[in-house]
C-alpha atoms as a PDB file:
ATOM      1  CA  MET A   1      -0.108   0.326   0.100  1.00  0.00           C
ATOM      2  CA  LYS A   2       1.214   3.412  -1.052  1.00  0.00           C
ATOM      3  CA  LEU A   3       1.058   6.407   1.397  1.00  0.00           C
ATOM      4  CA  LYS A   4       1.675   9.784   1.109  1.00  0.00           C
ATOM      5  CA  ILE A   5       2.114  10.682   4.858  1.00  0.00           C
ATOM      6  CA  ARG A   6       5.256   9.584   6.327  1.00  0.00           C
ATOM      7  CA  ARG A   7       7.311   9.759   9.786  1.00  0.00           C
ATOM      8  CA  LYS A   8       8.106  12.692  10.884  1.00  0.00           C
ATOM      9  CA  ASP A   9       5.732  14.848   8.395  1.00  0.00           C
ATOM     10  CA  ARG A  10       3.533  17.746  10.048  1.00  0.00           C
ATOM     11  CA  VAL A  11      -0.018  17.073   9.787  1.00  0.00           C
ATOM     12  CA  MET A  12      -3.547  18.398  10.840  1.00  0.00           C
ATOM     13  CA  VAL A  13      -6.162  16.879  12.004  1.00  0.00           C
ATOM     14  CA  ILE A  14      -9.573  17.329   9.818  1.00  0.00           C
ATOM     15  CA  SER A  15     -12.121  16.172  11.228  1.00  0.00           C
ATOM     16  CA  GLY A  16     -12.683  14.530  14.767  1.00  0.00           C
ATOM     17  CA  ARG A  17     -12.291  15.635  18.528  1.00  0.00           C
ATOM     18  CA  ASP A  18      -8.778  17.013  17.839  1.00  0.00           C
ATOM     19  CA  LYS A  19      -9.923  18.941  14.131  1.00  0.00           C
ATOM     20  CA  GLY A  20      -7.569  21.800  13.642  1.00  0.00           C
ATOM     21  CA  ARG A  21      -4.720  20.515  15.451  1.00  0.00           C
ATOM     22  CA  VAL A  22      -0.857  20.363  14.060  1.00  0.00           C
ATOM     23  CA  GLY A  23       1.230  17.542  15.211  1.00  0.00           C
ATOM     24  CA  GLU A  24       4.452  15.247  13.873  1.00  0.00           C
ATOM     25  CA  VAL A  25       4.008  11.955  12.617  1.00  0.00           C
ATOM     26  CA  LEU A  26       5.429   9.174  14.849  1.00  0.00           C
ATOM     27  CA  ARG A  27       4.563   6.060  13.417  1.00  0.00           C
ATOM     28  CA  VAL A  28       2.394   5.331  10.235  1.00  0.00           C
ATOM     29  CA  ILE A  29       0.762   1.542  10.515  1.00  0.00           C
ATOM     30  CA  ALA A  30      -0.007   0.133   7.252  1.00  0.00           C
ATOM     31  CA  GLY A  31      -3.305  -1.087   6.584  1.00  0.00           C
ATOM     32  CA  ASP A  32      -4.319  -4.460   4.299  1.00  0.00           C
ATOM     33  CA  ALA A  33      -7.464  -5.178   2.523  1.00  0.00           C
ATOM     34  CA  PHE A  34      -9.529  -5.627   5.806  1.00  0.00           C
ATOM     35  CA  SER A  35      -7.877  -2.705   8.001  1.00  0.00           C
ATOM     36  CA  SER A  36      -7.191   0.741   6.958  1.00  0.00           C
ATOM     37  CA  ALA A  37      -3.780   2.804   7.651  1.00  0.00           C
ATOM     38  CA  ARG A  38      -3.590   4.366  10.695  1.00  0.00           C
ATOM     39  CA  VAL A  39      -0.894   7.167  12.091  1.00  0.00           C
ATOM     40  CA  LEU A  40       0.263   8.030  15.226  1.00  0.00           C
ATOM     41  CA  VAL A  41       0.376  12.023  15.603  1.00  0.00           C
ATOM     42  CA  SER A  42       2.403  13.617  18.725  1.00  0.00           C
ATOM     43  CA  LYS A  43       0.269  15.236  21.361  1.00  0.00           C
ATOM     44  CA  ILE A  44      -2.659  14.787  19.006  1.00  0.00           C
ATOM     45  CA  ASN A  45      -5.881  11.818  20.068  1.00  0.00           C
ATOM     46  CA  ILE A  46      -4.619  11.329  23.952  1.00  0.00           C
ATOM     47  CA  VAL A  47      -6.261   8.516  25.360  1.00  0.00           C
ATOM     48  CA  THR A  48      -6.339   7.352  29.200  1.00  0.00           C
ATOM     49  CA  ARG A  49      -5.193   3.861  30.295  1.00  0.00           C
ATOM     50  CA  HIS A  50      -4.690   1.794  33.218  1.00  0.00           C
ATOM     51  CA  GLN A  51      -1.055   0.613  33.539  1.00  0.00           C
ATOM     52  CA  ARG A  52      -0.024  -2.083  35.854  1.00  0.00           C
ATOM     53  CA  ALA A  53       2.948  -1.094  38.398  1.00  0.00           C
ATOM     54  CA  THR A  54       5.741  -3.780  37.529  1.00  0.00           C
ATOM     55  CA  GLN A  55       9.382  -3.876  39.501  1.00  0.00           C
ATOM     56  CA  THR A  56      10.181  -0.511  37.898  1.00  0.00           C
ATOM     57  CA  ASP A  57       7.623   1.220  37.162  1.00  0.00           C
ATOM     58  CA  VAL A  58       4.906   2.387  39.243  1.00  0.00           C
ATOM     59  CA  GLY A  59       1.800   1.677  37.046  1.00  0.00           C
ATOM     60  CA  GLY A  60      -1.670   4.242  37.530  1.00  0.00           C
ATOM     61  CA  LEU A  61      -3.092   5.847  34.708  1.00  0.00           C
ATOM     62  CA  VAL A  62      -0.946   6.868  32.198  1.00  0.00           C
ATOM     63  CA  LYS A  63      -1.842   9.403  29.032  1.00  0.00           C
ATOM     64  CA  LYS A  64      -0.710   8.391  25.488  1.00  0.00           C
ATOM     65  CA  GLU A  65      -0.953   9.038  22.014  1.00  0.00           C
ATOM     66  CA  ALA A  66      -3.607   6.284  20.063  1.00  0.00           C
ATOM     67  CA  PRO A  67      -3.598   5.518  16.408  1.00  0.00           C
ATOM     68  CA  LEU A  68      -6.201   7.679  13.856  1.00  0.00           C
ATOM     69  CA  PRO A  69      -7.165   7.249  10.953  1.00  0.00           C
ATOM     70  CA  ILE A  70      -4.760   8.222   8.079  1.00  0.00           C
ATOM     71  CA  SER A  71      -7.851   9.442   6.001  1.00  0.00           C
ATOM     72  CA  LYS A  72      -8.544  12.085   9.359  1.00  0.00           C
ATOM     73  CA  VAL A  73      -4.967  14.033   8.810  1.00  0.00           C
ATOM     74  CA  MET A  74      -3.748  16.269   5.952  1.00  0.00           C
ATOM     75  CA  LEU A  75      -0.115  17.151   5.182  1.00  0.00           C
ATOM     76  CA  VAL A  76       0.794  20.926   5.863  1.00  0.00           C
ATOM     77  CA  ASP A  77       1.905  22.857   3.238  1.00  0.00           C
ATOM     78  CA  PRO A  78       5.480  24.292   4.843  1.00  0.00           C
ATOM     79  CA  LYS A  79       4.815  27.458   3.304  1.00  0.00           C
ATOM     80  CA  THR A  80       1.320  28.284   4.297  1.00  0.00           C
ATOM     81  CA  SER A  81       0.714  26.100   7.070  1.00  0.00           C
ATOM     82  CA  LYS A  82      -2.458  25.364   5.547  1.00  0.00           C
ATOM     83  CA  PRO A  83      -3.708  21.653   5.039  1.00  0.00           C
ATOM     84  CA  THR A  84      -3.138  20.874   1.647  1.00  0.00           C
ATOM     85  CA  ARG A  85      -3.249  17.845  -0.774  1.00  0.00           C
ATOM     86  CA  THR A  86       0.560  16.718  -2.727  1.00  0.00           C
ATOM     87  CA  ARG A  87       1.755  15.447  -6.080  1.00  0.00           C
ATOM     88  CA  THR A  88       4.908  14.006  -6.871  1.00  0.00           C
ATOM     89  CA  LYS A  89       7.400  15.739  -8.728  1.00  0.00           C
ATOM     90  CA  THR A  90      10.425  14.050 -11.047  1.00  0.00           C
ATOM     91  CA  LEU A  91      13.432  16.011 -10.828  1.00  0.00           C
ATOM     92  CA  PRO A  92      16.190  16.951 -13.869  1.00  0.00           C
ATOM     93  CA  ASP A  93      18.317  14.024 -11.680  1.00  0.00           C
ATOM     94  CA  GLY A  94      15.739  11.426 -11.766  1.00  0.00           C
ATOM     95  CA  SER A  95      14.673  11.614  -7.843  1.00  0.00           C
ATOM     96  CA  LYS A  96      10.885  12.258  -7.237  1.00  0.00           C
ATOM     97  CA  VAL A  97       9.788  15.090  -4.903  1.00  0.00           C
ATOM     98  CA  ARG A  98       6.384  15.671  -2.723  1.00  0.00           C
ATOM     99  CA  VAL A  99       4.938  19.372  -3.551  1.00  0.00           C
ATOM    100  CA  ALA A 100       2.182  20.761  -1.733  1.00  0.00           C
ATOM    101  CA  VAL A 101      -0.472  21.333  -4.510  1.00  0.00           C
ATOM    102  CA  LYS A 102      -1.843  24.821  -3.039  1.00  0.00           C
ATOM    103  CA  SER A 103       1.696  26.488  -3.206  1.00  0.00           C
ATOM    104  CA  GLY A 104       4.184  24.409  -5.045  1.00  0.00           C
ATOM    105  CA  GLU A 105       6.429  24.280  -2.420  1.00  0.00           C
ATOM    106  CA  THR A 106       8.974  20.981  -2.037  1.00  0.00           C
ATOM    107  CA  ILE A 107       8.152  19.410   0.930  1.00  0.00           C
ATOM    108  CA  ALA A 108      11.169  17.715   2.822  1.00  0.00           C
ATOM    109  CA  ALA A 109      11.941  13.989   2.865  1.00  0.00           C
ATOM    110  CA  ALA A 110      11.606  12.512   5.800  1.00  0.00           C
END
């Protein structure tokens, strides 16, 4: 499955509880034919989990990020800081780069 969002990209949530918030992608979880791809974004979609105490950890309530569907996030344009679609552009040397549709700005490879 070819995904347009990669690790360390800046993305904006476009729907749901965290709509409008921007964060960095920590992990991309590729889906398959039965499940959709998901992303883990820093400080977005925070959930509370009960952690059992271990010999090294105290335990208790732990707040952490939960994965959200990749369709709920959009890449942020580096020039305007607004969400944008991307297209690929082939450079004269043969390498491919992602380009923001709205501004034409090249998106840095992660």
